[in-house]
Every structure is written in C-alpha cells, then in structure tokens.
Amino acid sequence: MEPTVKKIFKGVLAAELVGIFGAYFLFNKMNTNQDFRQTMSKKFPFILEVYYKSVEMSGMYGIREQDQEKWMNSKN
C-alpha cells in the first residue's frame, strides 16, 4: 500500500477505536449512575432515550420508571 493510504487507514481505525471506547464509557456511566442519567436527560435527552431502549431490549425493565419516580420526588 502507499504511505498515504496507510495513514488514512490508521486514522480511520483510530477514530473507530475512540468511538467504541467512548460509547462504552458513556453507556457504563449511564448504567451505574442515576444522577448522570438525570444530567443526560436535561442536556441530551435523545441519548438517554437510546440508553433506555437498549436496556429494555436486553430484557431489563423498570430503570426508566425508577428514574422518573426519583426525579419527581426530588422536585417536591
């Protein structure tokens, strides 16, 4: 391969790895921290919706309801 093609390939590979680790970190943080999920609901609600959908598809139900209940109780 030519050097330019190798550099582009390495750049794309590095970007994909950063994306994969970033997605894992974000999912792990949301999965373990309810306060972080509340922050995400205010700043990036569409990302939180993807989290809820993926967790529900895996068979774990009730996280959305627990979050909403806690957030409603903290407002009162």
PDB file of N, CA and C in Angstrom:
ATOM      1  N   MET A   1       0.839  -1.189   0.000  1.00  0.00           N
ATOM      2  CA  MET A   1       0.000   0.000   0.000  1.00  0.00           C
ATOM      3  C   MET A   1       0.880   1.248   0.000  1.00  0.00           C
ATOM      4  N   GLU A   2       0.307   2.307  -0.487  1.00  0.00           N
ATOM      5  CA  GLU A   2       1.043   3.560  -0.492  1.00  0.00           C
ATOM      6  C   GLU A   2       0.998   4.191   0.887  1.00  0.00           C
ATOM      7  N   PRO A   3       1.996   5.003   1.208  1.00  0.00           N
ATOM      8  CA  PRO A   3       2.049   5.615   2.543  1.00  0.00           C
ATOM      9  C   PRO A   3       0.817   6.458   2.872  1.00  0.00           C
ATOM     10  N   THR A   4       0.263   7.157   1.907  1.00  0.00           N
ATOM     11  CA  THR A   4      -0.913   7.989   2.160  1.00  0.00           C
ATOM     12  C   THR A   4      -2.115   7.134   2.530  1.00  0.00           C
ATOM     13  N   VAL A   5      -2.283   6.023   1.839  1.00  0.00           N
ATOM     14  CA  VAL A   5      -3.393   5.121   2.119  1.00  0.00           C
ATOM     15  C   VAL A   5      -3.237   4.515   3.506  1.00  0.00           C
ATOM     16  N   LYS A   6      -2.010   4.169   3.881  1.00  0.00           N
ATOM     17  CA  LYS A   6      -1.756   3.619   5.212  1.00  0.00           C
ATOM     18  C   LYS A   6      -2.097   4.634   6.296  1.00  0.00           C
ATOM     19  N   LYS A   7      -1.746   5.892   6.086  1.00  0.00           N
ATOM     20  CA  LYS A   7      -2.043   6.936   7.071  1.00  0.00           C
ATOM     21  C   LYS A   7      -3.552   7.131   7.216  1.00  0.00           C
ATOM     22  N   ILE A   8      -4.246   7.140   6.103  1.00  0.00           N
ATOM     23  CA  ILE A   8      -5.702   7.287   6.149  1.00  0.00           C
ATOM     24  C   ILE A   8      -6.325   6.099   6.864  1.00  0.00           C
ATOM     25  N   PHE A   9      -5.871   4.902   6.548  1.00  0.00           N
ATOM     26  CA  PHE A   9      -6.387   3.695   7.187  1.00  0.00           C
ATOM     27  C   PHE A   9      -6.164   3.738   8.699  1.00  0.00           C
ATOM     28  N   LYS A  10      -4.955   4.118   9.117  1.00  0.00           N
ATOM     29  CA  LYS A  10      -4.654   4.208  10.545  1.00  0.00           C
ATOM     30  C   LYS A  10      -5.509   5.265  11.223  1.00  0.00           C
ATOM     31  N   GLY A  11      -5.748   6.381  10.545  1.00  0.00           N
ATOM     32  CA  GLY A  11      -6.585   7.442  11.100  1.00  0.00           C
ATOM     33  C   GLY A  11      -8.026   6.991  11.287  1.00  0.00           C
ATOM     34  N   VAL A  12      -8.556   6.294  10.290  1.00  0.00           N
ATOM     35  CA  VAL A  12      -9.923   5.785  10.379  1.00  0.00           C
ATOM     36  C   VAL A  12     -10.022   4.740  11.487  1.00  0.00           C
ATOM     37  N   LEU A  13      -9.052   3.856  11.571  1.00  0.00           N
ATOM     38  CA  LEU A  13      -9.039   2.838  12.612  1.00  0.00           C
ATOM     39  C   LEU A  13      -8.971   3.478  14.004  1.00  0.00           C
ATOM     40  N   ALA A  14      -8.121   4.479  14.168  1.00  0.00           N
ATOM     41  CA  ALA A  14      -8.008   5.166  15.456  1.00  0.00           C
ATOM     42  C   ALA A  14      -9.326   5.862  15.810  1.00  0.00           C
ATOM     43  N   ALA A  15      -9.969   6.499  14.846  1.00  0.00           N
ATOM     44  CA  ALA A  15     -11.243   7.173  15.100  1.00  0.00           C
ATOM     45  C   ALA A  15     -12.318   6.169  15.518  1.00  0.00           C
ATOM     46  N   GLU A  16     -12.342   5.009  14.887  1.00  0.00           N
ATOM     47  CA  GLU A  16     -13.309   3.983  15.262  1.00  0.00           C
ATOM     48  C   GLU A  16     -13.060   3.467  16.672  1.00  0.00           C
ATOM     49  N   LEU A  17     -11.811   3.257  17.028  1.00  0.00           N
ATOM     50  CA  LEU A  17     -11.499   2.794  18.382  1.00  0.00           C
ATOM     51  C   LEU A  17     -11.897   3.822  19.429  1.00  0.00           C
ATOM     52  N   VAL A  18     -11.624   5.094  19.157  1.00  0.00           N
ATOM     53  CA  VAL A  18     -12.037   6.159  20.080  1.00  0.00           C
ATOM     54  C   VAL A  18     -13.554   6.160  20.222  1.00  0.00           C
ATOM     55  N   GLY A  19     -14.270   5.989  19.120  1.00  0.00           N
ATOM     56  CA  GLY A  19     -15.725   5.949  19.157  1.00  0.00           C
ATOM     57  C   GLY A  19     -16.260   4.778  19.956  1.00  0.00           C
ATOM     58  N   ILE A  20     -15.659   3.631  19.787  1.00  0.00           N
ATOM     59  CA  ILE A  20     -16.103   2.435  20.516  1.00  0.00           C
ATOM     60  C   ILE A  20     -15.871   2.603  22.011  1.00  0.00           C
ATOM     61  N   PHE A  21     -14.683   3.044  22.388  1.00  0.00           N
ATOM     62  CA  PHE A  21     -14.397   3.232  23.816  1.00  0.00           C
ATOM     63  C   PHE A  21     -15.231   4.357  24.407  1.00  0.00           C
ATOM     64  N   GLY A  22     -15.489   5.406  23.632  1.00  0.00           N
ATOM     65  CA  GLY A  22     -16.338   6.493  24.098  1.00  0.00           C
ATOM     66  C   GLY A  22     -17.762   6.028  24.343  1.00  0.00           C
ATOM     67  N   ALA A  23     -18.291   5.230  23.434  1.00  0.00           N
ATOM     68  CA  ALA A  23     -19.647   4.700  23.597  1.00  0.00           C
ATOM     69  C   ALA A  23     -19.719   3.771  24.811  1.00  0.00           C
ATOM     70  N   TYR A  24     -18.697   2.955  24.993  1.00  0.00           N
ATOM     71  CA  TYR A  24     -18.666   2.066  26.162  1.00  0.00           C
ATOM     72  C   TYR A  24     -18.620   2.880  27.451  1.00  0.00           C
ATOM     73  N   PHE A  25     -17.773   3.894  27.511  1.00  0.00           N
ATOM     74  CA  PHE A  25     -17.658   4.726  28.709  1.00  0.00           C
ATOM     75  C   PHE A  25     -18.991   5.403  29.014  1.00  0.00           C
ATOM     76  N   LEU A  26     -19.626   5.965  27.993  1.00  0.00           N
ATOM     77  CA  LEU A  26     -20.897   6.657  28.183  1.00  0.00           C
ATOM     78  C   LEU A  26     -21.975   5.695  28.664  1.00  0.00           C
ATOM     79  N   PHE A  27     -22.083   4.530  28.043  1.00  0.00           N
ATOM     80  CA  PHE A  27     -23.075   3.545  28.462  1.00  0.00           C
ATOM     81  C   PHE A  27     -22.810   3.089  29.893  1.00  0.00           C
ATOM     82  N   ASN A  28     -21.565   2.811  30.222  1.00  0.00           N
ATOM     83  CA  ASN A  28     -21.220   2.353  31.562  1.00  0.00           C
ATOM     84  C   ASN A  28     -21.553   3.412  32.604  1.00  0.00           C
ATOM     85  N   LYS A  29     -21.251   4.662  32.298  1.00  0.00           N
ATOM     86  CA  LYS A  29     -21.540   5.767  33.231  1.00  0.00           C
ATOM     87  C   LYS A  29     -23.050   5.896  33.437  1.00  0.00           C
ATOM     88  N   MET A  30     -23.826   5.813  32.360  1.00  0.00           N
ATOM     89  CA  MET A  30     -25.282   5.907  32.489  1.00  0.00           C
ATOM     90  C   MET A  30     -25.853   4.688  33.207  1.00  0.00           C
ATOM     91  N   ASN A  31     -25.251   3.550  33.007  1.00  0.00           N
ATOM     92  CA  ASN A  31     -25.756   2.317  33.602  1.00  0.00           C
ATOM     93  C   ASN A  31     -25.506   2.251  35.106  1.00  0.00           C
ATOM     94  N   THR A  32     -24.515   2.976  35.598  1.00  0.00           N
ATOM     95  CA  THR A  32     -24.153   2.882  37.007  1.00  0.00           C
ATOM     96  C   THR A  32     -24.459   4.130  37.827  1.00  0.00           C
ATOM     97  N   ASN A  33     -24.885   5.218  37.181  1.00  0.00           N
ATOM     98  CA  ASN A  33     -25.035   6.477  37.899  1.00  0.00           C
ATOM     99  C   ASN A  33     -26.358   7.149  37.532  1.00  0.00           C
ATOM    100  N   GLN A  34     -27.314   7.115  38.453  1.00  0.00           N
ATOM    101  CA  GLN A  34     -28.627   7.690  38.192  1.00  0.00           C
ATOM    102  C   GLN A  34     -28.560   9.216  38.086  1.00  0.00           C
ATOM    103  N   ASP A  35     -27.685   9.845  38.841  1.00  0.00           N
ATOM    104  CA  ASP A  35     -27.532  11.298  38.750  1.00  0.00           C
ATOM    105  C   ASP A  35     -26.991  11.711  37.382  1.00  0.00           C
ATOM    106  N   PHE A  36     -26.102  10.907  36.828  1.00  0.00           N
ATOM    107  CA  PHE A  36     -25.593  11.195  35.488  1.00  0.00           C
ATOM    108  C   PHE A  36     -26.707  11.062  34.449  1.00  0.00           C
ATOM    109  N   ARG A  37     -27.599  10.077  34.653  1.00  0.00           N
ATOM    110  CA  ARG A  37     -28.735   9.943  33.740  1.00  0.00           C
ATOM    111  C   ARG A  37     -29.639  11.167  33.817  1.00  0.00           C
ATOM    112  N   GLN A  38     -29.782  11.739  34.996  1.00  0.00           N
ATOM    113  CA  GLN A  38     -30.591  12.956  35.132  1.00  0.00           C
ATOM    114  C   GLN A  38     -29.936  14.115  34.380  1.00  0.00           C
ATOM    115  N   THR A  39     -28.625  14.228  34.474  1.00  0.00           N
ATOM    116  CA  THR A  39     -27.906  15.256  33.719  1.00  0.00           C
ATOM    117  C   THR A  39     -28.086  15.042  32.227  1.00  0.00           C
ATOM    118  N   MET A  40     -28.007  13.792  31.795  1.00  0.00           N
ATOM    119  CA  MET A  40     -28.198  13.483  30.380  1.00  0.00           C
ATOM    120  C   MET A  40     -29.618  13.809  29.937  1.00  0.00           C
ATOM    121  N   SER A  41     -30.595  13.618  30.820  1.00  0.00           N
ATOM    122  CA  SER A  41     -31.985  13.906  30.441  1.00  0.00           C
ATOM    123  C   SER A  41     -32.192  15.395  30.200  1.00  0.00           C
ATOM    124  N   LYS A  42     -31.412  16.223  30.872  1.00  0.00           N
ATOM    125  CA  LYS A  42     -31.532  17.671  30.690  1.00  0.00           C
ATOM    126  C   LYS A  42     -30.749  18.157  29.470  1.00  0.00           C
ATOM    127  N   LYS A  43     -29.570  17.592  29.250  1.00  0.00           N
ATOM    128  CA  LYS A  43     -28.697  18.086  28.185  1.00  0.00           C
ATOM    129  C   LYS A  43     -28.870  17.334  26.871  1.00  0.00           C
ATOM    130  N   PHE A  44     -28.977  16.021  26.935  1.00  0.00           N
ATOM    131  CA  PHE A  44     -29.055  15.185  25.736  1.00  0.00           C
ATOM    132  C   PHE A  44     -30.143  14.123  25.898  1.00  0.00           C
ATOM    133  N   PRO A  45     -31.407  14.522  25.881  1.00  0.00           N
ATOM    134  CA  PRO A  45     -32.478  13.538  26.118  1.00  0.00           C
ATOM    135  C   PRO A  45     -32.536  12.434  25.064  1.00  0.00           C
ATOM    136  N   PHE A  46     -32.125  12.712  23.835  1.00  0.00           N
ATOM    137  CA  PHE A  46     -32.165  11.684  22.791  1.00  0.00           C
ATOM    138  C   PHE A  46     -31.161  10.568  23.079  1.00  0.00           C
ATOM    139  N   ILE A  47     -30.032  10.895  23.680  1.00  0.00           N
ATOM    140  CA  ILE A  47     -29.045   9.861  24.028  1.00  0.00           C
ATOM    141  C   ILE A  47     -29.583   9.000  25.168  1.00  0.00           C
ATOM    142  N   LEU A  48     -30.243   9.638  26.129  1.00  0.00           N
ATOM    143  CA  LEU A  48     -30.832   8.878  27.233  1.00  0.00           C
ATOM    144  C   LEU A  48     -31.929   7.948  26.715  1.00  0.00           C
ATOM    145  N   GLU A  49     -32.696   8.393  25.747  1.00  0.00           N
ATOM    146  CA  GLU A  49     -33.741   7.550  25.162  1.00  0.00           C
ATOM    147  C   GLU A  49     -33.124   6.308  24.492  1.00  0.00           C
ATOM    148  N   VAL A  50     -32.009   6.482  23.813  1.00  0.00           N
ATOM    149  CA  VAL A  50     -31.314   5.341  23.201  1.00  0.00           C
ATOM    150  C   VAL A  50     -30.850   4.377  24.288  1.00  0.00           C
ATOM    151  N   TYR A  51     -30.345   4.924  25.403  1.00  0.00           N
ATOM    152  CA  TYR A  51     -29.920   4.079  26.530  1.00  0.00           C
ATOM    153  C   TYR A  51     -31.104   3.261  27.054  1.00  0.00           C
ATOM    154  N   TYR A  52     -32.225   3.931  27.308  1.00  0.00           N
ATOM    155  CA  TYR A  52     -33.404   3.227  27.822  1.00  0.00           C
ATOM    156  C   TYR A  52     -33.864   2.134  26.856  1.00  0.00           C
ATOM    157  N   LYS A  53     -33.904   2.445  25.575  1.00  0.00           N
ATOM    158  CA  LYS A  53     -34.347   1.463  24.584  1.00  0.00           C
ATOM    159  C   LYS A  53     -33.414   0.256  24.548  1.00  0.00           C
ATOM    160  N   SER A  54     -32.100   0.495  24.593  1.00  0.00           N
ATOM    161  CA  SER A  54     -31.153  -0.618  24.529  1.00  0.00           C
ATOM    162  C   SER A  54     -31.235  -1.490  25.776  1.00  0.00           C
ATOM    163  N   VAL A  55     -31.442  -0.877  26.933  1.00  0.00           N
ATOM    164  CA  VAL A  55     -31.562  -1.650  28.164  1.00  0.00           C
ATOM    165  C   VAL A  55     -32.856  -2.465  28.148  1.00  0.00           C
ATOM    166  N   GLU A  56     -33.936  -1.841  27.667  1.00  0.00           N
ATOM    167  CA  GLU A  56     -35.200  -2.569  27.601  1.00  0.00           C
ATOM    168  C   GLU A  56     -35.132  -3.719  26.597  1.00  0.00           C
ATOM    169  N   MET A  57     -34.429  -3.522  25.493  1.00  0.00           N
ATOM    170  CA  MET A  57     -34.281  -4.595  24.511  1.00  0.00           C
ATOM    171  C   MET A  57     -33.475  -5.760  25.070  1.00  0.00           C
ATOM    172  N   SER A  58     -32.592  -5.473  26.037  1.00  0.00           N
ATOM    173  CA  SER A  58     -31.803  -6.548  26.636  1.00  0.00           C
ATOM    174  C   SER A  58     -32.584  -7.307  27.710  1.00  0.00           C
ATOM    175  N   GLY A  59     -33.807  -6.820  28.018  1.00  0.00           N
ATOM    176  CA  GLY A  59     -34.638  -7.549  28.970  1.00  0.00           C
ATOM    177  C   GLY A  59     -34.689  -6.946  30.356  1.00  0.00           C
ATOM    178  N   MET A  60     -34.035  -5.834  30.561  1.00  0.00           N
ATOM    179  CA  MET A  60     -34.051  -5.172  31.871  1.00  0.00           C
ATOM    180  C   MET A  60     -35.079  -4.038  31.823  1.00  0.00           C
ATOM    181  N   TYR A  61     -36.139  -4.189  32.603  1.00  0.00           N
ATOM    182  CA  TYR A  61     -37.207  -3.201  32.605  1.00  0.00           C
ATOM    183  C   TYR A  61     -37.258  -2.486  33.952  1.00  0.00           C
ATOM    184  N   GLY A  62     -37.804  -1.274  33.944  1.00  0.00           N
ATOM    185  CA  GLY A  62     -38.040  -0.549  35.186  1.00  0.00           C
ATOM    186  C   GLY A  62     -37.047   0.562  35.477  1.00  0.00           C
ATOM    187  N   ILE A  63     -35.976   0.663  34.738  1.00  0.00           N
ATOM    188  CA  ILE A  63     -34.979   1.700  35.014  1.00  0.00           C
ATOM    189  C   ILE A  63     -35.565   3.075  34.715  1.00  0.00           C
ATOM    190  N   ARG A  64     -36.255   3.204  33.596  1.00  0.00           N
ATOM    191  CA  ARG A  64     -36.869   4.477  33.229  1.00  0.00           C
ATOM    192  C   ARG A  64     -37.857   4.920  34.312  1.00  0.00           C
ATOM    193  N   GLU A  65     -38.681   3.988  34.785  1.00  0.00           N
ATOM    194  CA  GLU A  65     -39.682   4.304  35.792  1.00  0.00           C
ATOM    195  C   GLU A  65     -39.033   4.694  37.115  1.00  0.00           C
ATOM    196  N   GLN A  66     -37.970   3.982  37.504  1.00  0.00           N
ATOM    197  CA  GLN A  66     -37.258   4.326  38.737  1.00  0.00           C
ATOM    198  C   GLN A  66     -36.674   5.731  38.657  1.00  0.00           C
ATOM    199  N   ASP A  67     -36.088   6.049  37.512  1.00  0.00           N
ATOM    200  CA  ASP A  67     -35.512   7.376  37.324  1.00  0.00           C
ATOM    201  C   ASP A  67     -36.584   8.450  37.424  1.00  0.00           C
ATOM    202  N   GLN A  68     -37.689   8.266  36.718  1.00  0.00           N
ATOM    203  CA  GLN A  68     -38.758   9.260  36.726  1.00  0.00           C
ATOM    204  C   GLN A  68     -39.338   9.439  38.121  1.00  0.00           C
ATOM    205  N   GLU A  69     -39.482   8.348  38.847  1.00  0.00           N
ATOM    206  CA  GLU A  69     -40.015   8.430  40.211  1.00  0.00           C
ATOM    207  C   GLU A  69     -39.071   9.212  41.122  1.00  0.00           C
ATOM    208  N   LYS A  70     -37.794   8.910  41.047  1.00  0.00           N
ATOM    209  CA  LYS A  70     -36.828   9.604  41.892  1.00  0.00           C
ATOM    210  C   LYS A  70     -36.761  11.090  41.543  1.00  0.00           C
ATOM    211  N   TRP A  71     -36.774  11.401  40.253  1.00  0.00           N
ATOM    212  CA  TRP A  71     -36.663  12.797  39.834  1.00  0.00           C
ATOM    213  C   TRP A  71     -37.911  13.589  40.208  1.00  0.00           C
ATOM    214  N   MET A  72     -39.083  12.935  40.165  1.00  0.00           N
ATOM    215  CA  MET A  72     -40.316  13.611  40.574  1.00  0.00           C
ATOM    216  C   MET A  72     -40.310  13.865  42.083  1.00  0.00           C
ATOM    217  N   ASN A  73     -39.826  12.877  42.863  1.00  0.00           N
ATOM    218  CA  ASN A  73     -39.769  13.035  44.310  1.00  0.00           C
ATOM    219  C   ASN A  73     -38.749  14.093  44.722  1.00  0.00           C
ATOM    220  N   SER A  74     -37.678  14.247  43.964  1.00  0.00           N
ATOM    221  CA  SER A  74     -36.661  15.239  44.322  1.00  0.00           C
ATOM    222  C   SER A  74     -37.132  16.656  44.010  1.00  0.00           C
ATOM    223  N   LYS A  75     -38.100  16.809  43.113  1.00  0.00           N
ATOM    224  CA  LYS A  75     -38.645  18.134  42.820  1.00  0.00           C
ATOM    225  C   LYS A  75     -39.553  18.619  43.936  1.00  0.00           C
ATOM    226  N   ASN A  76     -40.195  17.685  44.633  1.00  0.00           N
ATOM    227  CA  ASN A  76     -41.152  18.052  45.708  1.00  0.00           C
ATOM    228  C   ASN A  76     -40.469  18.372  46.993  1.00  0.00           C
TER     229      ASN A  76
END
